[in-house]
């Protein structure tokens, strides 16, 4: 059975594989909500790091700036694994098993907010 997208991204990150490519670069504030574009890991498939449906792994990353330049907000969609062929097939048709179904833009709020009143660690 294939691992989920989360494992694929974890593996690729550990190996330092790149380059990273953002398919959407829109990052703008909407009140206290931050919209962050999805970043695809384009060549991860050459290492076998793919989602359940074979799509490339992806993540949402907002890099800090100014005094917080070394602080990043990072969100991995997916995670976990499936138990049999049927559950893998079902999961592959959701955002937990395919980047085809992930949000191209993710709202970062609450613990993922870059607003220190909502996320004191940001």
PDB file of N, CA and C in Angstrom:
ATOM      1  N   UNK A   1       0.838  -1.190   0.000  1.00  0.00           N
ATOM      2  CA  UNK A   1       0.000   0.000   0.000  1.00  0.00           C
ATOM      3  C   UNK A   1       0.876   1.244   0.000  1.00  0.00           C
ATOM      4  N   UNK A   2       0.425   2.280  -0.666  1.00  0.00           N
ATOM      5  CA  UNK A   2       1.163   3.537  -0.703  1.00  0.00           C
ATOM      6  C   UNK A   2       0.948   4.338   0.561  1.00  0.00           C
ATOM      7  N   UNK A   3       1.949   5.096   0.916  1.00  0.00           N
ATOM      8  CA  UNK A   3       1.832   5.998   2.051  1.00  0.00           C
ATOM      9  C   UNK A   3       1.031   7.214   1.609  1.00  0.00           C
ATOM     10  N   UNK A   4       0.564   8.013   2.564  1.00  0.00           N
ATOM     11  CA  UNK A   4      -0.221   9.197   2.218  1.00  0.00           C
ATOM     12  C   UNK A   4       0.695  10.358   1.836  1.00  0.00           C
ATOM     13  N   UNK A   5       0.076  11.440   1.416  1.00  0.00           N
ATOM     14  CA  UNK A   5       0.823  12.641   1.015  1.00  0.00           C
ATOM     15  C   UNK A   5       1.709  13.145   2.140  1.00  0.00           C
ATOM     16  N   UNK A   6       1.245  13.064   3.374  1.00  0.00           N
ATOM     17  CA  UNK A   6       2.029  13.573   4.500  1.00  0.00           C
ATOM     18  C   UNK A   6       3.381  12.879   4.559  1.00  0.00           C
ATOM     19  N   UNK A   7       3.388  11.575   4.471  1.00  0.00           N
ATOM     20  CA  UNK A   7       4.645  10.842   4.519  1.00  0.00           C
ATOM     21  C   UNK A   7       5.539  11.232   3.354  1.00  0.00           C
ATOM     22  N   UNK A   8       4.944  11.397   2.199  1.00  0.00           N
ATOM     23  CA  UNK A   8       5.714  11.772   1.014  1.00  0.00           C
ATOM     24  C   UNK A   8       6.408  13.112   1.237  1.00  0.00           C
ATOM     25  N   UNK A   9       5.702  14.087   1.772  1.00  0.00           N
ATOM     26  CA  UNK A   9       6.297  15.401   2.012  1.00  0.00           C
ATOM     27  C   UNK A   9       7.366  15.293   3.085  1.00  0.00           C
ATOM     28  N   UNK A  10       7.098  14.524   4.124  1.00  0.00           N
ATOM     29  CA  UNK A  10       8.065  14.349   5.198  1.00  0.00           C
ATOM     30  C   UNK A  10       9.359  13.752   4.660  1.00  0.00           C
ATOM     31  N   UNK A  11       9.241  12.717   3.850  1.00  0.00           N
ATOM     32  CA  UNK A  11      10.399  12.065   3.266  1.00  0.00           C
ATOM     33  C   UNK A  11      11.179  13.023   2.373  1.00  0.00           C
ATOM     34  N   UNK A  12      10.488  13.723   1.515  1.00  0.00           N
ATOM     35  CA  UNK A  12      11.138  14.653   0.601  1.00  0.00           C
ATOM     36  C   UNK A  12      11.810  15.779   1.363  1.00  0.00           C
ATOM     37  N   UNK A  13      11.174  16.256   2.424  1.00  0.00           N
ATOM     38  CA  UNK A  13      11.752  17.319   3.240  1.00  0.00           C
ATOM     39  C   UNK A  13      13.023  16.833   3.923  1.00  0.00           C
ATOM     40  N   UNK A  14      12.999  15.627   4.472  1.00  0.00           N
ATOM     41  CA  UNK A  14      14.185  15.087   5.126  1.00  0.00           C
ATOM     42  C   UNK A  14      15.358  14.937   4.163  1.00  0.00           C
ATOM     43  N   UNK A  15      15.054  14.558   2.950  1.00  0.00           N
ATOM     44  CA  UNK A  15      16.105  14.357   1.959  1.00  0.00           C
ATOM     45  C   UNK A  15      16.587  15.669   1.351  1.00  0.00           C
ATOM     46  N   UNK A  16      15.918  16.759   1.677  1.00  0.00           N
ATOM     47  CA  UNK A  16      16.315  18.052   1.137  1.00  0.00           C
ATOM     48  C   UNK A  16      16.068  18.163  -0.348  1.00  0.00           C
ATOM     49  N   UNK A  17      15.087  17.440  -0.844  1.00  0.00           N
ATOM     50  CA  UNK A  17      14.799  17.422  -2.267  1.00  0.00           C
ATOM     51  C   UNK A  17      14.132  18.720  -2.680  1.00  0.00           C
ATOM     52  N   UNK A  18      14.448  19.257  -3.802  1.00  0.00           N
ATOM     53  CA  UNK A  18      13.840  20.484  -4.289  1.00  0.00           C
ATOM     54  C   UNK A  18      13.974  20.500  -5.791  1.00  0.00           C
ATOM     55  N   UNK A  19      13.701  21.540  -6.471  1.00  0.00           N
ATOM     56  CA  UNK A  19      13.237  22.808  -5.930  1.00  0.00           C
ATOM     57  C   UNK A  19      11.741  22.785  -5.629  1.00  0.00           C
ATOM     58  N   UNK A  20      11.312  23.708  -4.815  1.00  0.00           N
ATOM     59  CA  UNK A  20       9.897  23.846  -4.482  1.00  0.00           C
ATOM     60  C   UNK A  20       9.284  24.829  -5.469  1.00  0.00           C
ATOM     61  N   UNK A  21       8.037  24.616  -5.820  1.00  0.00           N
ATOM     62  CA  UNK A  21       7.370  25.491  -6.769  1.00  0.00           C
ATOM     63  C   UNK A  21       5.973  25.782  -6.259  1.00  0.00           C
ATOM     64  N   UNK A  22       5.660  27.046  -6.114  1.00  0.00           N
ATOM     65  CA  UNK A  22       4.334  27.433  -5.674  1.00  0.00           C
ATOM     66  C   UNK A  22       3.446  27.630  -6.893  1.00  0.00           C
ATOM     67  N   UNK A  23       2.280  26.977  -6.919  1.00  0.00           N
ATOM     68  CA  UNK A  23       1.407  27.163  -8.066  1.00  0.00           C
ATOM     69  C   UNK A  23       0.516  28.383  -7.879  1.00  0.00           C
ATOM     70  N   UNK A  24       0.345  28.821  -6.656  1.00  0.00           N
ATOM     71  CA  UNK A  24      -0.353  30.065  -6.364  1.00  0.00           C
ATOM     72  C   UNK A  24       0.507  30.852  -5.395  1.00  0.00           C
ATOM     73  N   UNK A  25       0.765  32.089  -5.699  1.00  0.00           N
ATOM     74  CA  UNK A  25       1.617  32.867  -4.810  1.00  0.00           C
ATOM     75  C   UNK A  25       0.825  33.902  -4.019  1.00  0.00           C
ATOM     76  N   UNK A  26      -0.505  33.881  -4.134  1.00  0.00           N
ATOM     77  CA  UNK A  26      -1.330  34.850  -3.437  1.00  0.00           C
ATOM     78  C   UNK A  26      -1.262  34.634  -1.936  1.00  0.00           C
ATOM     79  N   UNK A  27      -0.799  35.614  -1.234  1.00  0.00           N
ATOM     80  CA  UNK A  27      -0.812  35.622   0.221  1.00  0.00           C
ATOM     81  C   UNK A  27      -1.275  37.003   0.642  1.00  0.00           C
ATOM     82  N   UNK A  28      -2.501  37.106   1.062  1.00  0.00           N
ATOM     83  CA  UNK A  28      -3.019  38.410   1.443  1.00  0.00           C
ATOM     84  C   UNK A  28      -3.877  38.288   2.687  1.00  0.00           C
ATOM     85  N   UNK A  29      -3.936  39.350   3.447  1.00  0.00           N
ATOM     86  CA  UNK A  29      -4.767  39.348   4.647  1.00  0.00           C
ATOM     87  C   UNK A  29      -6.214  39.616   4.277  1.00  0.00           C
ATOM     88  N   UNK A  30      -7.104  38.922   4.927  1.00  0.00           N
ATOM     89  CA  UNK A  30      -8.531  39.126   4.789  1.00  0.00           C
ATOM     90  C   UNK A  30      -9.046  39.291   6.205  1.00  0.00           C
ATOM     91  N   UNK A  31      -9.023  40.527   6.719  1.00  0.00           N
ATOM     92  CA  UNK A  31      -9.278  40.718   8.142  1.00  0.00           C
ATOM     93  C   UNK A  31      -8.111  40.130   8.896  1.00  0.00           C
ATOM     94  N   UNK A  32      -8.383  39.146   9.772  1.00  0.00           N
ATOM     95  CA  UNK A  32      -7.311  38.479  10.508  1.00  0.00           C
ATOM     96  C   UNK A  32      -7.003  37.110   9.894  1.00  0.00           C
ATOM     97  N   UNK A  33      -7.521  36.861   8.711  1.00  0.00           N
ATOM     98  CA  UNK A  33      -7.283  35.574   8.044  1.00  0.00           C
ATOM     99  C   UNK A  33      -6.270  35.758   6.925  1.00  0.00           C
ATOM    100  N   UNK A  34      -5.386  34.827   6.800  1.00  0.00           N
ATOM    101  CA  UNK A  34      -4.335  34.867   5.803  1.00  0.00           C
ATOM    102  C   UNK A  34      -4.602  33.789   4.757  1.00  0.00           C
ATOM    103  N   UNK A  35      -4.590  34.145   3.482  1.00  0.00           N
ATOM    104  CA  UNK A  35      -4.761  33.177   2.404  1.00  0.00           C
ATOM    105  C   UNK A  35      -3.382  32.771   1.899  1.00  0.00           C
ATOM    106  N   UNK A  36      -3.105  31.469   1.914  1.00  0.00           N
ATOM    107  CA  UNK A  36      -1.784  30.972   1.532  1.00  0.00           C
ATOM    108  C   UNK A  36      -1.933  29.976   0.388  1.00  0.00           C
ATOM    109  N   UNK A  37      -1.145  30.162  -0.643  1.00  0.00           N
ATOM    110  CA  UNK A  37      -1.194  29.300  -1.813  1.00  0.00           C
ATOM    111  C   UNK A  37      -0.544  27.947  -1.575  1.00  0.00           C
ATOM    112  N   UNK A  38      -1.023  26.951  -2.309  1.00  0.00           N
ATOM    113  CA  UNK A  38      -0.488  25.597  -2.239  1.00  0.00           C
ATOM    114  C   UNK A  38       0.849  25.536  -2.984  1.00  0.00           C
ATOM    115  N   UNK A  39       1.808  24.824  -2.420  1.00  0.00           N
ATOM    116  CA  UNK A  39       3.102  24.600  -3.053  1.00  0.00           C
ATOM    117  C   UNK A  39       3.232  23.113  -3.356  1.00  0.00           C
ATOM    118  N   UNK A  40       3.460  22.804  -4.612  1.00  0.00           N
ATOM    119  CA  UNK A  40       3.628  21.419  -5.067  1.00  0.00           C
ATOM    120  C   UNK A  40       5.117  21.065  -5.012  1.00  0.00           C
ATOM    121  N   UNK A  41       5.437  19.834  -4.640  1.00  0.00           N
ATOM    122  CA  UNK A  41       6.806  19.325  -4.696  1.00  0.00           C
ATOM    123  C   UNK A  41       6.901  18.596  -6.046  1.00  0.00           C
ATOM    124  N   UNK A  42       7.415  19.277  -7.078  1.00  0.00           N
ATOM    125  CA  UNK A  42       7.250  18.800  -8.451  1.00  0.00           C
ATOM    126  C   UNK A  42       7.956  17.496  -8.819  1.00  0.00           C
ATOM    127  N   UNK A  43       9.124  17.225  -8.309  1.00  0.00           N
ATOM    128  CA  UNK A  43       9.878  16.048  -8.735  1.00  0.00           C
ATOM    129  C   UNK A  43       9.909  14.945  -7.673  1.00  0.00           C
ATOM    130  N   UNK A  44       9.016  15.016  -6.702  1.00  0.00           N
ATOM    131  CA  UNK A  44       8.991  14.030  -5.620  1.00  0.00           C
ATOM    132  C   UNK A  44       8.684  12.629  -6.139  1.00  0.00           C
ATOM    133  N   UNK A  45       7.942  12.546  -7.227  1.00  0.00           N
ATOM    134  CA  UNK A  45       7.586  11.250  -7.795  1.00  0.00           C
ATOM    135  C   UNK A  45       8.801  10.428  -8.213  1.00  0.00           C
ATOM    136  N   UNK A  46       9.897  11.102  -8.555  1.00  0.00           N
ATOM    137  CA  UNK A  46      11.095  10.366  -8.957  1.00  0.00           C
ATOM    138  C   UNK A  46      11.690   9.589  -7.783  1.00  0.00           C
ATOM    139  N   UNK A  47      11.308   9.959  -6.561  1.00  0.00           N
ATOM    140  CA  UNK A  47      11.735   9.235  -5.361  1.00  0.00           C
ATOM    141  C   UNK A  47      10.637   8.313  -4.841  1.00  0.00           C
ATOM    142  N   UNK A  48       9.512   8.289  -5.546  1.00  0.00           N
ATOM    143  CA  UNK A  48       8.389   7.468  -5.103  1.00  0.00           C
ATOM    144  C   UNK A  48       7.529   8.149  -4.063  1.00  0.00           C
ATOM    145  N   UNK A  49       7.755   9.442  -3.844  1.00  0.00           N
ATOM    146  CA  UNK A  49       6.984  10.193  -2.857  1.00  0.00           C
ATOM    147  C   UNK A  49       5.784  10.832  -3.550  1.00  0.00           C
ATOM    148  N   UNK A  50       4.661  10.124  -3.549  1.00  0.00           N
ATOM    149  CA  UNK A  50       3.442  10.599  -4.198  1.00  0.00           C
ATOM    150  C   UNK A  50       2.249  10.353  -3.281  1.00  0.00           C
ATOM    151  N   UNK A  51       1.158  11.008  -3.611  1.00  0.00           N
ATOM    152  CA  UNK A  51      -0.090  10.770  -2.894  1.00  0.00           C
ATOM    153  C   UNK A  51      -0.689   9.439  -3.334  1.00  0.00           C
ATOM    154  N   UNK A  52      -1.755   9.026  -2.679  1.00  0.00           N
ATOM    155  CA  UNK A  52      -2.379   7.736  -2.977  1.00  0.00           C
ATOM    156  C   UNK A  52      -2.793   7.588  -4.436  1.00  0.00           C
ATOM    157  N   UNK A  53      -3.211   8.683  -5.057  1.00  0.00           N
ATOM    158  CA  UNK A  53      -3.649   8.618  -6.457  1.00  0.00           C
ATOM    159  C   UNK A  53      -2.526   8.907  -7.443  1.00  0.00           C
ATOM    160  N   UNK A  54      -1.304   9.064  -6.947  1.00  0.00           N
ATOM    161  CA  UNK A  54      -0.164   9.338  -7.816  1.00  0.00           C
ATOM    162  C   UNK A  54       0.118  10.807  -8.030  1.00  0.00           C
ATOM    163  N   UNK A  55      -0.750  11.682  -7.512  1.00  0.00           N
ATOM    164  CA  UNK A  55      -0.511  13.124  -7.661  1.00  0.00           C
ATOM    165  C   UNK A  55       0.678  13.531  -6.791  1.00  0.00           C
ATOM    166  N   UNK A  56       1.362  14.631  -7.149  1.00  0.00           N
ATOM    167  CA  UNK A  56       2.533  15.047  -6.382  1.00  0.00           C
ATOM    168  C   UNK A  56       2.134  15.582  -5.002  1.00  0.00           C
ATOM    169  N   UNK A  57       2.994  15.430  -4.005  1.00  0.00           N
ATOM    170  CA  UNK A  57       2.693  15.978  -2.679  1.00  0.00           C
ATOM    171  C   UNK A  57       2.722  17.502  -2.706  1.00  0.00           C
ATOM    172  N   UNK A  58       2.061  18.114  -1.735  1.00  0.00           N
ATOM    173  CA  UNK A  58       2.004  19.572  -1.648  1.00  0.00           C
ATOM    174  C   UNK A  58       1.810  19.987  -0.199  1.00  0.00           C
ATOM    175  N   UNK A  59       2.000  21.262   0.048  1.00  0.00           N
ATOM    176  CA  UNK A  59       1.818  21.837   1.378  1.00  0.00           C
ATOM    177  C   UNK A  59       1.481  23.311   1.224  1.00  0.00           C
ATOM    178  N   UNK A  60       1.087  23.945   2.328  1.00  0.00           N
ATOM    179  CA  UNK A  60       0.845  25.388   2.364  1.00  0.00           C
ATOM    180  C   UNK A  60       1.861  25.994   3.331  1.00  0.00           C
ATOM    181  N   UNK A  61       2.627  26.977   2.860  1.00  0.00           N
ATOM    182  CA  UNK A  61       3.702  27.587   3.651  1.00  0.00           C
ATOM    183  C   UNK A  61       3.617  29.097   3.561  1.00  0.00           C
ATOM    184  N   UNK A  62       3.639  29.758   4.709  1.00  0.00           N
ATOM    185  CA  UNK A  62       3.735  31.216   4.772  1.00  0.00           C
ATOM    186  C   UNK A  62       5.017  31.548   5.525  1.00  0.00           C
ATOM    187  N   UNK A  63       5.972  32.118   4.820  1.00  0.00           N
ATOM    188  CA  UNK A  63       7.251  32.476   5.432  1.00  0.00           C
ATOM    189  C   UNK A  63       7.113  33.785   6.190  1.00  0.00           C
ATOM    190  N   UNK A  64       7.815  33.860   7.329  1.00  0.00           N
ATOM    191  CA  UNK A  64       7.820  35.080   8.116  1.00  0.00           C
ATOM    192  C   UNK A  64       8.592  36.187   7.414  1.00  0.00           C
ATOM    193  N   UNK A  65       8.514  37.369   7.986  1.00  0.00           N
ATOM    194  CA  UNK A  65       9.205  38.522   7.416  1.00  0.00           C
ATOM    195  C   UNK A  65       9.602  39.453   8.546  1.00  0.00           C
ATOM    196  N   UNK A  66      10.480  40.398   8.258  1.00  0.00           N
ATOM    197  CA  UNK A  66      10.932  41.353   9.274  1.00  0.00           C
ATOM    198  C   UNK A  66      11.550  40.626  10.458  1.00  0.00           C
ATOM    199  N   UNK A  67      11.139  41.015  11.672  1.00  0.00           N
ATOM    200  CA  UNK A  67      11.667  40.393  12.895  1.00  0.00           C
ATOM    201  C   UNK A  67      11.285  38.915  12.995  1.00  0.00           C
ATOM    202  N   UNK A  68      10.249  38.514  12.293  1.00  0.00           N
ATOM    203  CA  UNK A  68       9.807  37.117  12.318  1.00  0.00           C
ATOM    204  C   UNK A  68      10.248  36.324  11.099  1.00  0.00           C
ATOM    205  N   UNK A  69      11.298  36.769  10.419  1.00  0.00           N
ATOM    206  CA  UNK A  69      11.740  36.118   9.181  1.00  0.00           C
ATOM    207  C   UNK A  69      12.120  34.656   9.376  1.00  0.00           C
ATOM    208  N   UNK A  70      12.481  34.277  10.592  1.00  0.00           N
ATOM    209  CA  UNK A  70      12.852  32.878  10.843  1.00  0.00           C
ATOM    210  C   UNK A  70      11.667  32.047  11.324  1.00  0.00           C
ATOM    211  N   UNK A  71      10.484  32.628  11.385  1.00  0.00           N
ATOM    212  CA  UNK A  71       9.268  31.919  11.797  1.00  0.00           C
ATOM    213  C   UNK A  71       8.419  31.626  10.569  1.00  0.00           C
ATOM    214  N   UNK A  72       8.025  30.383  10.421  1.00  0.00           N
ATOM    215  CA  UNK A  72       7.191  29.985   9.299  1.00  0.00           C
ATOM    216  C   UNK A  72       5.913  29.354   9.812  1.00  0.00           C
ATOM    217  N   UNK A  73       4.840  29.531   9.081  1.00  0.00           N
ATOM    218  CA  UNK A  73       3.580  28.842   9.339  1.00  0.00           C
ATOM    219  C   UNK A  73       3.422  27.802   8.240  1.00  0.00           C
ATOM    220  N   UNK A  74       3.293  26.537   8.629  1.00  0.00           N
ATOM    221  CA  UNK A  74       3.296  25.435   7.675  1.00  0.00           C
ATOM    222  C   UNK A  74       2.121  24.507   7.963  1.00  0.00           C
ATOM    223  N   UNK A  75       1.395  24.128   6.903  1.00  0.00           N
ATOM    224  CA  UNK A  75       0.282  23.208   7.059  1.00  0.00           C
ATOM    225  C   UNK A  75       0.406  22.082   6.041  1.00  0.00           C
ATOM    226  N   UNK A  76       0.387  20.838   6.546  1.00  0.00           N
ATOM    227  CA  UNK A  76       0.359  19.655   5.700  1.00  0.00           C
ATOM    228  C   UNK A  76      -1.062  19.117   5.685  1.00  0.00           C
ATOM    229  N   UNK A  77      -1.624  18.941   4.526  1.00  0.00           N
ATOM    230  CA  UNK A  77      -2.944  18.316   4.396  1.00  0.00           C
ATOM    231  C   UNK A  77      -2.730  16.808   4.392  1.00  0.00           C
ATOM    232  N   UNK A  78      -3.707  16.066   4.825  1.00  0.00           N
ATOM    233  CA  UNK A  78      -3.598  14.605   4.753  1.00  0.00           C
ATOM    234  C   UNK A  78      -3.004  14.021   6.006  1.00  0.00           C
ATOM    235  N   UNK A  79      -2.209  13.012   5.826  1.00  0.00           N
ATOM    236  CA  UNK A  79      -1.605  12.319   6.955  1.00  0.00           C
ATOM    237  C   UNK A  79      -2.277  10.990   7.217  1.00  0.00           C
ATOM    238  N   UNK A  80      -1.623  10.179   8.005  1.00  0.00           N
ATOM    239  CA  UNK A  80      -2.164   8.858   8.324  1.00  0.00           C
ATOM    240  C   UNK A  80      -1.997   7.897   7.169  1.00  0.00           C
ATOM    241  N   UNK A  81      -2.720   6.810   7.211  1.00  0.00           N
ATOM    242  CA  UNK A  81      -2.667   5.836   6.134  1.00  0.00           C
ATOM    243  C   UNK A  81      -3.972   5.073   6.094  1.00  0.00           C
ATOM    244  N   UNK A  82      -4.089   4.213   5.109  1.00  0.00           N
ATOM    245  CA  UNK A  82      -5.293   3.407   4.970  1.00  0.00           C
ATOM    246  C   UNK A  82      -4.971   1.967   5.358  1.00  0.00           C
ATOM    247  N   UNK A  83      -6.001   1.186   5.578  1.00  0.00           N
ATOM    248  CA  UNK A  83      -5.821  -0.161   6.106  1.00  0.00           C
ATOM    249  C   UNK A  83      -5.954  -1.277   5.072  1.00  0.00           C
ATOM    250  N   UNK A  84      -6.638  -1.003   3.983  1.00  0.00           N
ATOM    251  CA  UNK A  84      -6.832  -2.020   2.948  1.00  0.00           C
ATOM    252  C   UNK A  84      -7.084  -1.318   1.618  1.00  0.00           C
ATOM    253  N   UNK A  85      -7.204  -2.086   0.565  1.00  0.00           N
ATOM    254  CA  UNK A  85      -7.365  -1.524  -0.768  1.00  0.00           C
ATOM    255  C   UNK A  85      -8.599  -0.624  -0.859  1.00  0.00           C
ATOM    256  N   UNK A  86      -9.692  -1.042  -0.240  1.00  0.00           N
ATOM    257  CA  UNK A  86     -10.929  -0.268  -0.295  1.00  0.00           C
ATOM    258  C   UNK A  86     -10.765   1.079   0.397  1.00  0.00           C
ATOM    259  N   UNK A  87     -10.187   1.088   1.607  1.00  0.00           N
ATOM    260  CA  UNK A  87     -10.037   2.361   2.317  1.00  0.00           C
ATOM    261  C   UNK A  87      -9.008   3.266   1.625  1.00  0.00           C
ATOM    262  N   UNK A  88      -7.981   2.683   0.988  1.00  0.00           N
ATOM    263  CA  UNK A  88      -7.007   3.477   0.222  1.00  0.00           C
ATOM    264  C   UNK A  88      -7.685   4.137  -0.978  1.00  0.00           C
ATOM    265  N   UNK A  89      -8.525   3.371  -1.667  1.00  0.00           N
ATOM    266  CA  UNK A  89      -9.235   3.910  -2.825  1.00  0.00           C
ATOM    267  C   UNK A  89     -10.162   5.047  -2.410  1.00  0.00           C
ATOM    268  N   UNK A  90     -10.904   4.869  -1.319  1.00  0.00           N
ATOM    269  CA  UNK A  90     -11.792   5.917  -0.821  1.00  0.00           C
ATOM    270  C   UNK A  90     -11.004   7.164  -0.448  1.00  0.00           C
ATOM    271  N   UNK A  91      -9.913   6.995   0.271  1.00  0.00           N
ATOM    272  CA  UNK A  91      -9.088   8.117   0.713  1.00  0.00           C
ATOM    273  C   UNK A  91      -8.448   8.841  -0.470  1.00  0.00           C
ATOM    274  N   UNK A  92      -8.108   8.114  -1.530  1.00  0.00           N
ATOM    275  CA  UNK A  92      -7.466   8.720  -2.702  1.00  0.00           C
ATOM    276  C   UNK A  92      -8.391   9.687  -3.432  1.00  0.00           C
ATOM    277  N   UNK A  93      -9.658   9.645  -3.134  1.00  0.00           N
ATOM    278  CA  UNK A  93     -10.646  10.530  -3.761  1.00  0.00           C
ATOM    279  C   UNK A  93     -11.009  11.717  -2.872  1.00  0.00           C
ATOM    280  N   UNK A  94     -10.157  11.987  -1.883  1.00  0.00           N
ATOM    281  CA  UNK A  94     -10.376  13.115  -0.973  1.00  0.00           C
ATOM    282  C   UNK A  94      -9.100  13.944  -0.878  1.00  0.00           C
ATOM    283  N   UNK A  95      -9.187  15.088  -0.213  1.00  0.00           N
ATOM    284  CA  UNK A  95      -8.001  15.939  -0.026  1.00  0.00           C
ATOM    285  C   UNK A  95      -6.984  15.296   0.917  1.00  0.00           C
ATOM    286  N   UNK A  96      -7.356  14.240   1.599  1.00  0.00           N
ATOM    287  CA  UNK A  96      -6.440  13.527   2.479  1.00  0.00           C
ATOM    288  C   UNK A  96      -5.570  12.513   1.730  1.00  0.00           C
ATOM    289  N   UNK A  97      -5.878  12.286   0.453  1.00  0.00           N
ATOM    290  CA  UNK A  97      -5.119  11.312  -0.312  1.00  0.00           C
ATOM    291  C   UNK A  97      -4.736  11.769  -1.704  1.00  0.00           C
ATOM    292  N   UNK A  98      -5.046  13.043  -2.020  1.00  0.00           N
ATOM    293  CA  UNK A  98      -4.747  13.552  -3.357  1.00  0.00           C
ATOM    294  C   UNK A  98      -4.625  15.067  -3.338  1.00  0.00           C
ATOM    295  N   UNK A  99      -3.591  15.579  -3.982  1.00  0.00           N
ATOM    296  CA  UNK A  99      -3.478  17.040  -4.088  1.00  0.00           C
ATOM    297  C   UNK A  99      -4.467  17.589  -5.110  1.00  0.00           C
ATOM    298  N   UNK A 100      -5.063  16.722  -5.901  1.00  0.00           N
ATOM    299  CA  UNK A 100      -6.087  17.187  -6.849  1.00  0.00           C
ATOM    300  C   UNK A 100      -7.303  17.746  -6.121  1.00  0.00           C
ATOM    301  N   UNK A 101      -7.533  17.299  -4.893  1.00  0.00           N
ATOM    302  CA  UNK A 101      -8.696  17.740  -4.122  1.00  0.00           C
ATOM    303  C   UNK A 101      -8.340  18.727  -3.008  1.00  0.00           C
ATOM    304  N   UNK A 102      -7.070  18.997  -2.818  1.00  0.00           N
ATOM    305  CA  UNK A 102      -6.662  19.959  -1.784  1.00  0.00           C
ATOM    306  C   UNK A 102      -7.096  21.369  -2.176  1.00  0.00           C
ATOM    307  N   UNK A 103      -7.282  22.221  -1.176  1.00  0.00           N
ATOM    308  CA  UNK A 103      -7.576  23.623  -1.433  1.00  0.00           C
ATOM    309  C   UNK A 103      -6.346  24.284  -2.048  1.00  0.00           C
ATOM    310  N   UNK A 104      -6.533  24.964  -3.171  1.00  0.00           N
ATOM    311  CA  UNK A 104      -5.418  25.668  -3.809  1.00  0.00           C
ATOM    312  C   UNK A 104      -4.996  26.866  -2.965  1.00  0.00           C
ATOM    313  N   UNK A 105      -5.944  27.444  -2.268  1.00  0.00           N
ATOM    314  CA  UNK A 105      -5.682  28.511  -1.298  1.00  0.00           C
ATOM    315  C   UNK A 105      -6.233  28.058   0.035  1.00  0.00           C
ATOM    316  N   UNK A 106      -5.430  28.147   1.079  1.00  0.00           N
ATOM    317  CA  UNK A 106      -5.851  27.724   2.417  1.00  0.00           C
ATOM    318  C   UNK A 106      -5.906  28.954   3.317  1.00  0.00           C
ATOM    319  N   UNK A 107      -6.955  29.044   4.117  1.00  0.00           N
ATOM    320  CA  UNK A 107      -7.072  30.132   5.082  1.00  0.00           C
ATOM    321  C   UNK A 107      -6.270  29.764   6.318  1.00  0.00           C
ATOM    322  N   UNK A 108      -5.310  30.588   6.663  1.00  0.00           N
ATOM    323  CA  UNK A 108      -4.542  30.397   7.888  1.00  0.00           C
ATOM    324  C   UNK A 108      -5.155  31.307   8.946  1.00  0.00           C
ATOM    325  N   UNK A 109      -5.783  30.705   9.945  1.00  0.00           N
ATOM    326  CA  UNK A 109      -6.364  31.461  11.054  1.00  0.00           C
ATOM    327  C   UNK A 109      -6.169  30.665  12.330  1.00  0.00           C
ATOM    328  N   UNK A 110      -6.506  31.250  13.456  1.00  0.00           N
ATOM    329  CA  UNK A 110      -6.320  30.569  14.735  1.00  0.00           C
ATOM    330  C   UNK A 110      -4.864  30.241  14.965  1.00  0.00           C
ATOM    331  N   UNK A 111      -4.556  28.966  15.205  1.00  0.00           N
ATOM    332  CA  UNK A 111      -3.180  28.556  15.477  1.00  0.00           C
ATOM    333  C   UNK A 111      -2.252  28.791  14.274  1.00  0.00           C
ATOM    334  N   UNK A 112      -2.799  28.897  13.072  1.00  0.00           N
ATOM    335  CA  UNK A 112      -1.993  29.170  11.879  1.00  0.00           C
ATOM    336  C   UNK A 112      -1.962  30.651  11.511  1.00  0.00           C
ATOM    337  N   UNK A 113      -2.555  31.495  12.333  1.00  0.00           N
ATOM    338  CA  UNK A 113      -2.585  32.924  12.040  1.00  0.00           C
ATOM    339  C   UNK A 113      -1.221  33.570  12.231  1.00  0.00           C
ATOM    340  N   UNK A 114      -0.932  34.602  11.445  1.00  0.00           N
ATOM    341  CA  UNK A 114       0.267  35.397  11.673  1.00  0.00           C
ATOM    342  C   UNK A 114      -0.044  36.630  12.516  1.00  0.00           C
ATOM    343  N   UNK A 115      -1.254  36.676  13.061  1.00  0.00           N
ATOM    344  CA  UNK A 115      -1.688  37.736  13.963  1.00  0.00           C
ATOM    345  C   UNK A 115      -1.371  37.301  15.391  1.00  0.00           C
ATOM    346  N   UNK A 116      -0.484  38.019  16.073  1.00  0.00           N
ATOM    347  CA  UNK A 116      -0.023  37.603  17.402  1.00  0.00           C
ATOM    348  C   UNK A 116      -1.145  37.579  18.449  1.00  0.00           C
ATOM    349  N   UNK A 117      -2.241  38.286  18.222  1.00  0.00           N
ATOM    350  CA  UNK A 117      -3.364  38.224  19.174  1.00  0.00           C
ATOM    351  C   UNK A 117      -4.104  36.884  19.054  1.00  0.00           C
ATOM    352  N   UNK A 118      -4.028  36.246  17.882  1.00  0.00           N
ATOM    353  CA  UNK A 118      -4.660  34.944  17.685  1.00  0.00           C
ATOM    354  C   UNK A 118      -3.685  33.795  17.871  1.00  0.00           C
ATOM    355  N   UNK A 119      -2.400  34.036  17.598  1.00  0.00           N
ATOM    356  CA  UNK A 119      -1.369  33.021  17.687  1.00  0.00           C
ATOM    357  C   UNK A 119      -0.125  33.655  18.298  1.00  0.00           C
ATOM    358  N   UNK A 120      -0.025  33.666  19.615  1.00  0.00           N
ATOM    359  CA  UNK A 120       1.097  34.347  20.290  1.00  0.00           C
ATOM    360  C   UNK A 120       2.468  33.820  19.882  1.00  0.00           C
ATOM    361  N   UNK A 121       2.558  32.625  19.331  1.00  0.00           N
ATOM    362  CA  UNK A 121       3.852  32.065  18.934  1.00  0.00           C
ATOM    363  C   UNK A 121       4.286  32.524  17.551  1.00  0.00           C
ATOM    364  N   UNK A 122       3.441  33.284  16.836  1.00  0.00           N
ATOM    365  CA  UNK A 122       3.807  33.675  15.459  1.00  0.00           C
ATOM    366  C   UNK A 122       4.768  34.832  15.439  1.00  0.00           C
TER     367      UNK A 122
END
